[in-house]
Amino acid sequence: MKEIRVKAATEPWINSTITELIQSRNIALETFHHHRNAENHIKFKNLRNCVTSKIRNAKADFFKQKLEANKSNPKELWKTLKCIGTPSKKVKKSTHISALKVE
């Protein structure tokens, strides 16, 4: 019996095309693990790179649209910016490491 993980919800920028590509990539990875040859490795790498680029583009487009839609609503705009991970105004204290002696 194989244990699988079921994810409750996907990210809003993940669409059906990306989901199908992810499944294809996973199948290519399994094929590569069972039959290790250059052809299977190249096929997996190409699908992996395609999935990564599609996700990056979809995520960027999603946040661009979200920011554009919330230009006039500061509360939602900042909520979106926090989701993206923009730094806050608070200055985080850095940890000071004293000089190390090497003997």
PDB file of N, CA and C in Angstrom:
ATOM      1  N   MET A   1       0.850  -1.174   0.000  1.00  0.00           N
ATOM      2  CA  MET A   1       0.000   0.000   0.000  1.00  0.00           C
ATOM      3  C   MET A   1       0.898   1.240   0.000  1.00  0.00           C
ATOM      4  N   LYS A   2       0.589   2.164  -0.868  1.00  0.00           N
ATOM      5  CA  LYS A   2       1.371   3.370  -0.991  1.00  0.00           C
ATOM      6  C   LYS A   2       0.680   4.520  -0.264  1.00  0.00           C
ATOM      7  N   GLU A   3       1.456   5.251   0.506  1.00  0.00           N
ATOM      8  CA  GLU A   3       0.908   6.387   1.233  1.00  0.00           C
ATOM      9  C   GLU A   3       1.033   7.637   0.372  1.00  0.00           C
ATOM     10  N   ILE A   4      -0.073   8.352   0.224  1.00  0.00           N
ATOM     11  CA  ILE A   4      -0.050   9.590  -0.544  1.00  0.00           C
ATOM     12  C   ILE A   4      -0.555  10.731   0.317  1.00  0.00           C
ATOM     13  N   ARG A   5      -0.137  11.921  -0.011  1.00  0.00           N
ATOM     14  CA  ARG A   5      -0.551  13.102   0.718  1.00  0.00           C
ATOM     15  C   ARG A   5      -1.593  13.824  -0.114  1.00  0.00           C
ATOM     16  N   VAL A   6      -2.677  14.204   0.524  1.00  0.00           N
ATOM     17  CA  VAL A   6      -3.727  14.944  -0.154  1.00  0.00           C
ATOM     18  C   VAL A   6      -3.694  16.374   0.380  1.00  0.00           C
ATOM     19  N   LYS A   7      -3.481  17.290  -0.518  1.00  0.00           N
ATOM     20  CA  LYS A   7      -3.420  18.690  -0.133  1.00  0.00           C
ATOM     21  C   LYS A   7      -4.832  19.262  -0.157  1.00  0.00           C
ATOM     22  N   ALA A   8      -5.201  19.947   0.916  1.00  0.00           N
ATOM     23  CA  ALA A   8      -6.566  20.455   1.060  1.00  0.00           C
ATOM     24  C   ALA A   8      -6.911  21.505   0.001  1.00  0.00           C
ATOM     25  N   ALA A   9      -6.071  22.488  -0.161  1.00  0.00           N
ATOM     26  CA  ALA A   9      -6.363  23.560  -1.114  1.00  0.00           C
ATOM     27  C   ALA A   9      -5.087  23.941  -1.851  1.00  0.00           C
ATOM     28  N   THR A  10      -5.234  24.294  -3.111  1.00  0.00           N
ATOM     29  CA  THR A  10      -4.067  24.724  -3.867  1.00  0.00           C
ATOM     30  C   THR A  10      -3.968  26.239  -3.820  1.00  0.00           C
ATOM     31  N   GLU A  11      -2.858  26.724  -4.237  1.00  0.00           N
ATOM     32  CA  GLU A  11      -2.659  28.169  -4.312  1.00  0.00           C
ATOM     33  C   GLU A  11      -3.580  28.724  -5.394  1.00  0.00           C
ATOM     34  N   PRO A  12      -4.007  29.974  -5.255  1.00  0.00           N
ATOM     35  CA  PRO A  12      -4.967  30.519  -6.225  1.00  0.00           C
ATOM     36  C   PRO A  12      -4.417  30.643  -7.644  1.00  0.00           C
ATOM     37  N   TRP A  13      -3.111  30.681  -7.813  1.00  0.00           N
ATOM     38  CA  TRP A  13      -2.546  30.837  -9.152  1.00  0.00           C
ATOM     39  C   TRP A  13      -2.316  29.484  -9.841  1.00  0.00           C
ATOM     40  N   ILE A  14      -2.526  28.385  -9.137  1.00  0.00           N
ATOM     41  CA  ILE A  14      -2.383  27.064  -9.744  1.00  0.00           C
ATOM     42  C   ILE A  14      -3.675  26.730 -10.489  1.00  0.00           C
ATOM     43  N   ASN A  15      -3.558  26.580 -11.815  1.00  0.00           N
ATOM     44  CA  ASN A  15      -4.745  26.272 -12.618  1.00  0.00           C
ATOM     45  C   ASN A  15      -4.675  24.831 -13.116  1.00  0.00           C
ATOM     46  N   SER A  16      -5.647  24.426 -13.890  1.00  0.00           N
ATOM     47  CA  SER A  16      -5.717  23.035 -14.340  1.00  0.00           C
ATOM     48  C   SER A  16      -4.548  22.662 -15.253  1.00  0.00           C
ATOM     49  N   THR A  17      -4.080  23.594 -16.059  1.00  0.00           N
ATOM     50  CA  THR A  17      -2.944  23.330 -16.940  1.00  0.00           C
ATOM     51  C   THR A  17      -1.701  23.012 -16.127  1.00  0.00           C
ATOM     52  N   ILE A  18      -1.467  23.817 -15.094  1.00  0.00           N
ATOM     53  CA  ILE A  18      -0.293  23.601 -14.242  1.00  0.00           C
ATOM     54  C   ILE A  18      -0.431  22.283 -13.485  1.00  0.00           C
ATOM     55  N   THR A  19      -1.632  21.968 -13.018  1.00  0.00           N
ATOM     56  CA  THR A  19      -1.858  20.714 -12.303  1.00  0.00           C
ATOM     57  C   THR A  19      -1.557  19.515 -13.200  1.00  0.00           C
ATOM     58  N   GLU A  20      -1.978  19.591 -14.454  1.00  0.00           N
ATOM     59  CA  GLU A  20      -1.690  18.508 -15.400  1.00  0.00           C
ATOM     60  C   GLU A  20      -0.193  18.386 -15.655  1.00  0.00           C
ATOM     61  N   LEU A  21       0.486  19.529 -15.768  1.00  0.00           N
ATOM     62  CA  LEU A  21       1.938  19.504 -15.962  1.00  0.00           C
ATOM     63  C   LEU A  21       2.645  18.896 -14.748  1.00  0.00           C
ATOM     64  N   ILE A  22       2.162  19.212 -13.556  1.00  0.00           N
ATOM     65  CA  ILE A  22       2.748  18.658 -12.333  1.00  0.00           C
ATOM     66  C   ILE A  22       2.590  17.139 -12.325  1.00  0.00           C
ATOM     67  N   GLN A  23       1.409  16.674 -12.711  1.00  0.00           N
ATOM     68  CA  GLN A  23       1.180  15.221 -12.767  1.00  0.00           C
ATOM     69  C   GLN A  23       2.099  14.565 -13.793  1.00  0.00           C
ATOM     70  N   SER A  24       2.260  15.199 -14.948  1.00  0.00           N
ATOM     71  CA  SER A  24       3.162  14.666 -15.974  1.00  0.00           C
ATOM     72  C   SER A  24       4.597  14.624 -15.472  1.00  0.00           C
ATOM     73  N   ARG A  25       4.996  15.683 -14.769  1.00  0.00           N
ATOM     74  CA  ARG A  25       6.345  15.737 -14.208  1.00  0.00           C
ATOM     75  C   ARG A  25       6.554  14.613 -13.200  1.00  0.00           C
ATOM     76  N   ASN A  26       5.553  14.381 -12.344  1.00  0.00           N
ATOM     77  CA  ASN A  26       5.669  13.330 -11.334  1.00  0.00           C
ATOM     78  C   ASN A  26       5.760  11.945 -11.971  1.00  0.00           C
ATOM     79  N   ILE A  27       5.000  11.731 -13.029  1.00  0.00           N
ATOM     80  CA  ILE A  27       5.062  10.452 -13.751  1.00  0.00           C
ATOM     81  C   ILE A  27       6.432  10.286 -14.396  1.00  0.00           C
ATOM     82  N   ALA A  28       6.963  11.374 -14.964  1.00  0.00           N
ATOM     83  CA  ALA A  28       8.293  11.323 -15.584  1.00  0.00           C
ATOM     84  C   ALA A  28       9.363  11.025 -14.541  1.00  0.00           C
ATOM     85  N   LEU A  29       9.200  11.546 -13.341  1.00  0.00           N
ATOM     86  CA  LEU A  29      10.158  11.277 -12.269  1.00  0.00           C
ATOM     87  C   LEU A  29      10.117   9.806 -11.865  1.00  0.00           C
ATOM     88  N   GLU A  30       8.907   9.260 -11.724  1.00  0.00           N
ATOM     89  CA  GLU A  30       8.773   7.836 -11.391  1.00  0.00           C
ATOM     90  C   GLU A  30       9.396   6.961 -12.485  1.00  0.00           C
ATOM     91  N   THR A  31       9.146   7.330 -13.734  1.00  0.00           N
ATOM     92  CA  THR A  31       9.718   6.583 -14.859  1.00  0.00           C
ATOM     93  C   THR A  31      11.232   6.634 -14.800  1.00  0.00           C
ATOM     94  N   PHE A  32      11.772   7.801 -14.496  1.00  0.00           N
ATOM     95  CA  PHE A  32      13.226   7.948 -14.409  1.00  0.00           C
ATOM     96  C   PHE A  32      13.790   7.108 -13.268  1.00  0.00           C
ATOM     97  N   HIS A  33      13.091   7.055 -12.141  1.00  0.00           N
ATOM     98  CA  HIS A  33      13.565   6.248 -11.015  1.00  0.00           C
ATOM     99  C   HIS A  33      13.565   4.753 -11.356  1.00  0.00           C
ATOM    100  N   HIS A  34      12.577   4.307 -12.129  1.00  0.00           N
ATOM    101  CA  HIS A  34      12.493   2.889 -12.485  1.00  0.00           C
ATOM    102  C   HIS A  34      13.445   2.519 -13.621  1.00  0.00           C
ATOM    103  N   HIS A  35      13.608   3.429 -14.569  1.00  0.00           N
ATOM    104  CA  HIS A  35      14.456   3.164 -15.737  1.00  0.00           C
ATOM    105  C   HIS A  35      15.427   4.330 -15.899  1.00  0.00           C
ATOM    106  N   ARG A  36      16.540   4.227 -15.211  1.00  0.00           N
ATOM    107  CA  ARG A  36      17.510   5.324 -15.226  1.00  0.00           C
ATOM    108  C   ARG A  36      18.288   5.334 -16.553  1.00  0.00           C
ATOM    109  N   ASN A  37      17.910   6.263 -17.410  1.00  0.00           N
ATOM    110  CA  ASN A  37      18.680   6.494 -18.624  1.00  0.00           C
ATOM    111  C   ASN A  37      18.608   7.971 -18.969  1.00  0.00           C
ATOM    112  N   ALA A  38      19.431   8.390 -19.899  1.00  0.00           N
ATOM    113  CA  ALA A  38      19.549   9.810 -20.232  1.00  0.00           C
ATOM    114  C   ALA A  38      18.248  10.378 -20.792  1.00  0.00           C
ATOM    115  N   GLU A  39      17.554   9.596 -21.595  1.00  0.00           N
ATOM    116  CA  GLU A  39      16.313  10.066 -22.213  1.00  0.00           C
ATOM    117  C   GLU A  39      15.255  10.396 -21.155  1.00  0.00           C
ATOM    118  N   ASN A  40      15.071   9.501 -20.185  1.00  0.00           N
ATOM    119  CA  ASN A  40      14.092   9.744 -19.122  1.00  0.00           C
ATOM    120  C   ASN A  40      14.510  10.923 -18.239  1.00  0.00           C
ATOM    121  N   HIS A  41      15.822  11.048 -18.021  1.00  0.00           N
ATOM    122  CA  HIS A  41      16.318  12.153 -17.203  1.00  0.00           C
ATOM    123  C   HIS A  41      16.063  13.492 -17.888  1.00  0.00           C
ATOM    124  N   ILE A  42      16.328  13.557 -19.167  1.00  0.00           N
ATOM    125  CA  ILE A  42      16.108  14.797 -19.928  1.00  0.00           C
ATOM    126  C   ILE A  42      14.625  15.146 -19.964  1.00  0.00           C
ATOM    127  N   LYS A  43      13.776  14.133 -20.166  1.00  0.00           N
ATOM    128  CA  LYS A  43      12.330  14.369 -20.197  1.00  0.00           C
ATOM    129  C   LYS A  43      11.856  14.935 -18.854  1.00  0.00           C
ATOM    130  N   PHE A  44      12.340  14.330 -17.743  1.00  0.00           N
ATOM    131  CA  PHE A  44      11.964  14.826 -16.420  1.00  0.00           C
ATOM    132  C   PHE A  44      12.446  16.248 -16.209  1.00  0.00           C
ATOM    133  N   LYS A  45      13.710  16.536 -16.546  1.00  0.00           N
ATOM    134  CA  LYS A  45      14.256  17.881 -16.335  1.00  0.00           C
ATOM    135  C   LYS A  45      13.493  18.930 -17.130  1.00  0.00           C
ATOM    136  N   ASN A  46      13.131  18.602 -18.365  1.00  0.00           N
ATOM    137  CA  ASN A  46      12.372  19.548 -19.188  1.00  0.00           C
ATOM    138  C   ASN A  46      11.003  19.837 -18.579  1.00  0.00           C
ATOM    139  N   LEU A  47      10.320  18.780 -18.119  1.00  0.00           N
ATOM    140  CA  LEU A  47       9.010  18.977 -17.487  1.00  0.00           C
ATOM    141  C   LEU A  47       9.148  19.752 -16.177  1.00  0.00           C
ATOM    142  N   ARG A  48      10.172  19.431 -15.393  1.00  0.00           N
ATOM    143  CA  ARG A  48      10.400  20.143 -14.132  1.00  0.00           C
ATOM    144  C   ARG A  48      10.618  21.635 -14.389  1.00  0.00           C
ATOM    145  N   ASN A  49      11.452  21.951 -15.366  1.00  0.00           N
ATOM    146  CA  ASN A  49      11.726  23.355 -15.679  1.00  0.00           C
ATOM    147  C   ASN A  49      10.487  24.063 -16.217  1.00  0.00           C
ATOM    148  N   CYS A  50       9.695  23.353 -17.005  1.00  0.00           N
ATOM    149  CA  CYS A  50       8.458  23.915 -17.551  1.00  0.00           C
ATOM    150  C   CYS A  50       7.471  24.224 -16.429  1.00  0.00           C
ATOM    151  N   VAL A  51       7.304  23.278 -15.492  1.00  0.00           N
ATOM    152  CA  VAL A  51       6.395  23.481 -14.360  1.00  0.00           C
ATOM    153  C   VAL A  51       6.846  24.683 -13.531  1.00  0.00           C
ATOM    154  N   THR A  52       8.134  24.746 -13.248  1.00  0.00           N
ATOM    155  CA  THR A  52       8.667  25.844 -12.439  1.00  0.00           C
ATOM    156  C   THR A  52       8.413  27.195 -13.093  1.00  0.00           C
ATOM    157  N   SER A  53       8.682  27.294 -14.385  1.00  0.00           N
ATOM    158  CA  SER A  53       8.486  28.574 -15.071  1.00  0.00           C
ATOM    159  C   SER A  53       7.004  28.942 -15.162  1.00  0.00           C
ATOM    160  N   LYS A  54       6.147  27.947 -15.416  1.00  0.00           N
ATOM    161  CA  LYS A  54       4.700  28.226 -15.484  1.00  0.00           C
ATOM    162  C   LYS A  54       4.175  28.710 -14.136  1.00  0.00           C
ATOM    163  N   ILE A  55       4.627  28.082 -13.046  1.00  0.00           N
ATOM    164  CA  ILE A  55       4.190  28.504 -11.711  1.00  0.00           C
ATOM    165  C   ILE A  55       4.678  29.916 -11.413  1.00  0.00           C
ATOM    166  N   ARG A  56       5.940  30.210 -11.737  1.00  0.00           N
ATOM    167  CA  ARG A  56       6.476  31.560 -11.499  1.00  0.00           C
ATOM    168  C   ARG A  56       5.686  32.610 -12.265  1.00  0.00           C
ATOM    169  N   ASN A  57       5.417  32.324 -13.532  1.00  0.00           N
ATOM    170  CA  ASN A  57       4.666  33.284 -14.357  1.00  0.00           C
ATOM    171  C   ASN A  57       3.240  33.462 -13.860  1.00  0.00           C
ATOM    172  N   ALA A  58       2.590  32.351 -13.503  1.00  0.00           N
ATOM    173  CA  ALA A  58       1.213  32.422 -13.021  1.00  0.00           C
ATOM    174  C   ALA A  58       1.136  33.187 -11.701  1.00  0.00           C
ATOM    175  N   LYS A  59       2.101  32.965 -10.824  1.00  0.00           N
ATOM    176  CA  LYS A  59       2.135  33.654  -9.531  1.00  0.00           C
ATOM    177  C   LYS A  59       2.361  35.147  -9.735  1.00  0.00           C
ATOM    178  N   ALA A  60       3.285  35.496 -10.615  1.00  0.00           N
ATOM    179  CA  ALA A  60       3.554  36.913 -10.890  1.00  0.00           C
ATOM    180  C   ALA A  60       2.320  37.584 -11.484  1.00  0.00           C
ATOM    181  N   ASP A  61       1.666  36.930 -12.429  1.00  0.00           N
ATOM    182  CA  ASP A  61       0.446  37.492 -13.032  1.00  0.00           C
ATOM    183  C   ASP A  61      -0.661  37.650 -11.996  1.00  0.00           C
ATOM    184  N   PHE A  62      -0.806  36.652 -11.117  1.00  0.00           N
ATOM    185  CA  PHE A  62      -1.833  36.709 -10.078  1.00  0.00           C
ATOM    186  C   PHE A  62      -1.627  37.930  -9.185  1.00  0.00           C
ATOM    187  N   PHE A  63      -0.402  38.142  -8.730  1.00  0.00           N
ATOM    188  CA  PHE A  63      -0.151  39.264  -7.823  1.00  0.00           C
ATOM    189  C   PHE A  63      -0.206  40.608  -8.551  1.00  0.00           C
ATOM    190  N   LYS A  64       0.187  40.644  -9.821  1.00  0.00           N
ATOM    191  CA  LYS A  64       0.052  41.879 -10.588  1.00  0.00           C
ATOM    192  C   LYS A  64      -1.411  42.283 -10.691  1.00  0.00           C
ATOM    193  N   GLN A  65      -2.257  41.322 -11.014  1.00  0.00           N
ATOM    194  CA  GLN A  65      -3.689  41.602 -11.123  1.00  0.00           C
ATOM    195  C   GLN A  65      -4.271  42.015  -9.778  1.00  0.00           C
ATOM    196  N   LYS A  66      -3.839  41.346  -8.722  1.00  0.00           N
ATOM    197  CA  LYS A  66      -4.340  41.642  -7.382  1.00  0.00           C
ATOM    198  C   LYS A  66      -3.923  43.060  -6.960  1.00  0.00           C
ATOM    199  N   LEU A  67      -2.684  43.425  -7.224  1.00  0.00           N
ATOM    200  CA  LEU A  67      -2.208  44.767  -6.875  1.00  0.00           C
ATOM    201  C   LEU A  67      -2.923  45.828  -7.702  1.00  0.00           C
ATOM    202  N   GLU A  68      -3.096  45.547  -8.978  1.00  0.00           N
ATOM    203  CA  GLU A  68      -3.784  46.500  -9.858  1.00  0.00           C
ATOM    204  C   GLU A  68      -5.226  46.696  -9.408  1.00  0.00           C
ATOM    205  N   ALA A  69      -5.897  45.615  -9.022  1.00  0.00           N
ATOM    206  CA  ALA A  69      -7.295  45.698  -8.600  1.00  0.00           C
ATOM    207  C   ALA A  69      -7.459  46.434  -7.271  1.00  0.00           C
ATOM    208  N   ASN A  70      -6.435  46.379  -6.421  1.00  0.00           N
ATOM    209  CA  ASN A  70      -6.535  46.985  -5.093  1.00  0.00           C
ATOM    210  C   ASN A  70      -5.761  48.289  -4.954  1.00  0.00           C
ATOM    211  N   LYS A  71      -5.458  48.931  -6.075  1.00  0.00           N
ATOM    212  CA  LYS A  71      -4.727  50.204  -6.019  1.00  0.00           C
ATOM    213  C   LYS A  71      -5.452  51.240  -5.185  1.00  0.00           C
ATOM    214  N   SER A  72      -6.759  51.270  -5.276  1.00  0.00           N
ATOM    215  CA  SER A  72      -7.537  52.306  -4.590  1.00  0.00           C
ATOM    216  C   SER A  72      -8.019  51.858  -3.207  1.00  0.00           C
ATOM    217  N   ASN A  73      -7.680  50.655  -2.779  1.00  0.00           N
ATOM    218  CA  ASN A  73      -8.096  50.142  -1.481  1.00  0.00           C
ATOM    219  C   ASN A  73      -6.850  49.803  -0.657  1.00  0.00           C
ATOM    220  N   PRO A  74      -6.369  50.762   0.163  1.00  0.00           N
ATOM    221  CA  PRO A  74      -5.118  50.563   0.892  1.00  0.00           C
ATOM    222  C   PRO A  74      -5.088  49.313   1.776  1.00  0.00           C
ATOM    223  N   LYS A  75      -6.208  49.009   2.420  1.00  0.00           N
ATOM    224  CA  LYS A  75      -6.240  47.852   3.309  1.00  0.00           C
ATOM    225  C   LYS A  75      -5.952  46.557   2.538  1.00  0.00           C
ATOM    226  N   GLU A  76      -6.652  46.374   1.427  1.00  0.00           N
ATOM    227  CA  GLU A  76      -6.450  45.180   0.613  1.00  0.00           C
ATOM    228  C   GLU A  76      -5.085  45.191  -0.060  1.00  0.00           C
ATOM    229  N   LEU A  77      -4.618  46.391  -0.442  1.00  0.00           N
ATOM    230  CA  LEU A  77      -3.305  46.520  -1.069  1.00  0.00           C
ATOM    231  C   LEU A  77      -2.213  46.032  -0.122  1.00  0.00           C
ATOM    232  N   TRP A  78      -2.251  46.481   1.126  1.00  0.00           N
ATOM    233  CA  TRP A  78      -1.241  46.078   2.100  1.00  0.00           C
ATOM    234  C   TRP A  78      -1.378  44.602   2.452  1.00  0.00           C
ATOM    235  N   LYS A  79      -2.588  44.099   2.463  1.00  0.00           N
ATOM    236  CA  LYS A  79      -2.812  42.687   2.721  1.00  0.00           C
ATOM    237  C   LYS A  79      -2.121  41.848   1.634  1.00  0.00           C
ATOM    238  N   THR A  80      -2.260  42.295   0.391  1.00  0.00           N
ATOM    239  CA  THR A  80      -1.624  41.618  -0.729  1.00  0.00           C
ATOM    240  C   THR A  80      -0.105  41.722  -0.639  1.00  0.00           C
ATOM    241  N   LEU A  81       0.384  42.917  -0.301  1.00  0.00           N
ATOM    242  CA  LEU A  81       1.830  43.110  -0.183  1.00  0.00           C
ATOM    243  C   LEU A  81       2.417  42.220   0.912  1.00  0.00           C
ATOM    244  N   LYS A  82       1.693  42.072   2.005  1.00  0.00           N
ATOM    245  CA  LYS A  82       2.167  41.190   3.079  1.00  0.00           C
ATOM    246  C   LYS A  82       2.186  39.742   2.617  1.00  0.00           C
ATOM    247  N   CYS A  83       1.224  39.376   1.792  1.00  0.00           N
ATOM    248  CA  CYS A  83       1.185  38.019   1.233  1.00  0.00           C
ATOM    249  C   CYS A  83       2.416  37.756   0.374  1.00  0.00           C
ATOM    250  N   ILE A  84       2.812  38.763  -0.384  1.00  0.00           N
ATOM    251  CA  ILE A  84       3.970  38.632  -1.260  1.00  0.00           C
ATOM    252  C   ILE A  84       5.235  38.480  -0.425  1.00  0.00           C
ATOM    253  N   GLY A  85       5.272  39.171   0.707  1.00  0.00           N
ATOM    254  CA  GLY A  85       6.436  39.064   1.579  1.00  0.00           C
ATOM    255  C   GLY A  85       7.297  40.308   1.577  1.00  0.00           C
ATOM    256  N   THR A  86       6.699  41.460   1.324  1.00  0.00           N
ATOM    257  CA  THR A  86       7.473  42.692   1.369  1.00  0.00           C
ATOM    258  C   THR A  86       7.873  42.977   2.810  1.00  0.00           C
ATOM    259  N   PRO A  87       9.064  43.510   3.007  1.00  0.00           N
ATOM    260  CA  PRO A  87       9.526  43.769   4.372  1.00  0.00           C
ATOM    261  C   PRO A  87       8.737  44.900   5.020  1.00  0.00           C
ATOM    262  N   SER A  88       8.594  44.807   6.332  1.00  0.00           N
ATOM    263  CA  SER A  88       7.881  45.842   7.056  1.00  0.00           C
ATOM    264  C   SER A  88       8.843  46.964   7.424  1.00  0.00           C
ATOM    265  N   LYS A  89       8.310  48.032   7.994  1.00  0.00           N
ATOM    266  CA  LYS A  89       9.148  49.160   8.392  1.00  0.00           C
ATOM    267  C   LYS A  89       9.958  48.857   9.640  1.00  0.00           C
ATOM    268  N   LYS A  90       9.502  47.880  10.405  1.00  0.00           N
ATOM    269  CA  LYS A  90      10.202  47.539  11.636  1.00  0.00           C
ATOM    270  C   LYS A  90      11.586  47.014  11.297  1.00  0.00           C
ATOM    271  N   VAL A  91      12.568  47.549  12.009  1.00  0.00           N
ATOM    272  CA  VAL A  91      13.943  47.114  11.788  1.00  0.00           C
ATOM    273  C   VAL A  91      14.201  45.929  12.708  1.00  0.00           C
ATOM    274  N   LYS A  92      14.569  44.843  12.110  1.00  0.00           N
ATOM    275  CA  LYS A  92      14.866  43.664  12.899  1.00  0.00           C
ATOM    276  C   LYS A  92      16.281  43.791  13.450  1.00  0.00           C
ATOM    277  N   LYS A  93      16.407  43.464  14.711  1.00  0.00           N
ATOM    278  CA  LYS A  93      17.726  43.529  15.327  1.00  0.00           C
ATOM    279  C   LYS A  93      18.561  42.375  14.797  1.00  0.00           C
ATOM    280  N   SER A  94      19.744  42.716  14.334  1.00  0.00           N
ATOM    281  CA  SER A  94      20.624  41.665  13.859  1.00  0.00           C
ATOM    282  C   SER A  94      21.427  41.127  15.040  1.00  0.00           C
ATOM    283  N   THR A  95      21.776  39.909  14.951  1.00  0.00           N
ATOM    284  CA  THR A  95      22.545  39.294  16.010  1.00  0.00           C
ATOM    285  C   THR A  95      24.009  39.576  15.757  1.00  0.00           C
ATOM    286  N   HIS A  96      24.672  40.081  16.766  1.00  0.00           N
ATOM    287  CA  HIS A  96      26.087  40.403  16.620  1.00  0.00           C
ATOM    288  C   HIS A  96      26.914  39.193  17.039  1.00  0.00           C
ATOM    289  N   ILE A  97      27.793  38.786  16.165  1.00  0.00           N
ATOM    290  CA  ILE A  97      28.670  37.659  16.460  1.00  0.00           C
ATOM    291  C   ILE A  97      30.052  38.216  16.681  1.00  0.00           C
ATOM    292  N   SER A  98      30.595  37.936  17.856  1.00  0.00           N
ATOM    293  CA  SER A  98      31.946  38.445  18.148  1.00  0.00           C
ATOM    294  C   SER A  98      32.972  37.678  17.328  1.00  0.00           C
ATOM    295  N   ALA A  99      34.140  38.243  17.240  1.00  0.00           N
ATOM    296  CA  ALA A  99      35.204  37.644  16.448  1.00  0.00           C
ATOM    297  C   ALA A  99      35.584  36.263  17.003  1.00  0.00           C
ATOM    298  N   LEU A 100      35.819  35.347  16.102  1.00  0.00           N
ATOM    299  CA  LEU A 100      36.189  34.000  16.505  1.00  0.00           C
ATOM    300  C   LEU A 100      37.711  33.874  16.472  1.00  0.00           C
ATOM    301  N   LYS A 101      38.245  33.203  17.459  1.00  0.00           N
ATOM    302  CA  LYS A 101      39.680  32.963  17.473  1.00  0.00           C
ATOM    303  C   LYS A 101      39.953  31.605  16.862  1.00  0.00           C
ATOM    304  N   VAL A 102      40.844  31.584  15.890  1.00  0.00           N
ATOM    305  CA  VAL A 102      41.229  30.343  15.245  1.00  0.00           C
ATOM    306  C   VAL A 102      42.617  30.001  15.725  1.00  0.00           C
ATOM    307  N   GLU A 103      42.743  28.850  16.335  1.00  0.00           N
ATOM    308  CA  GLU A 103      44.066  28.450  16.855  1.00  0.00           C
ATOM    309  C   GLU A 103      44.635  27.332  16.050  1.00  0.00           C
TER     310      GLU A 103
END
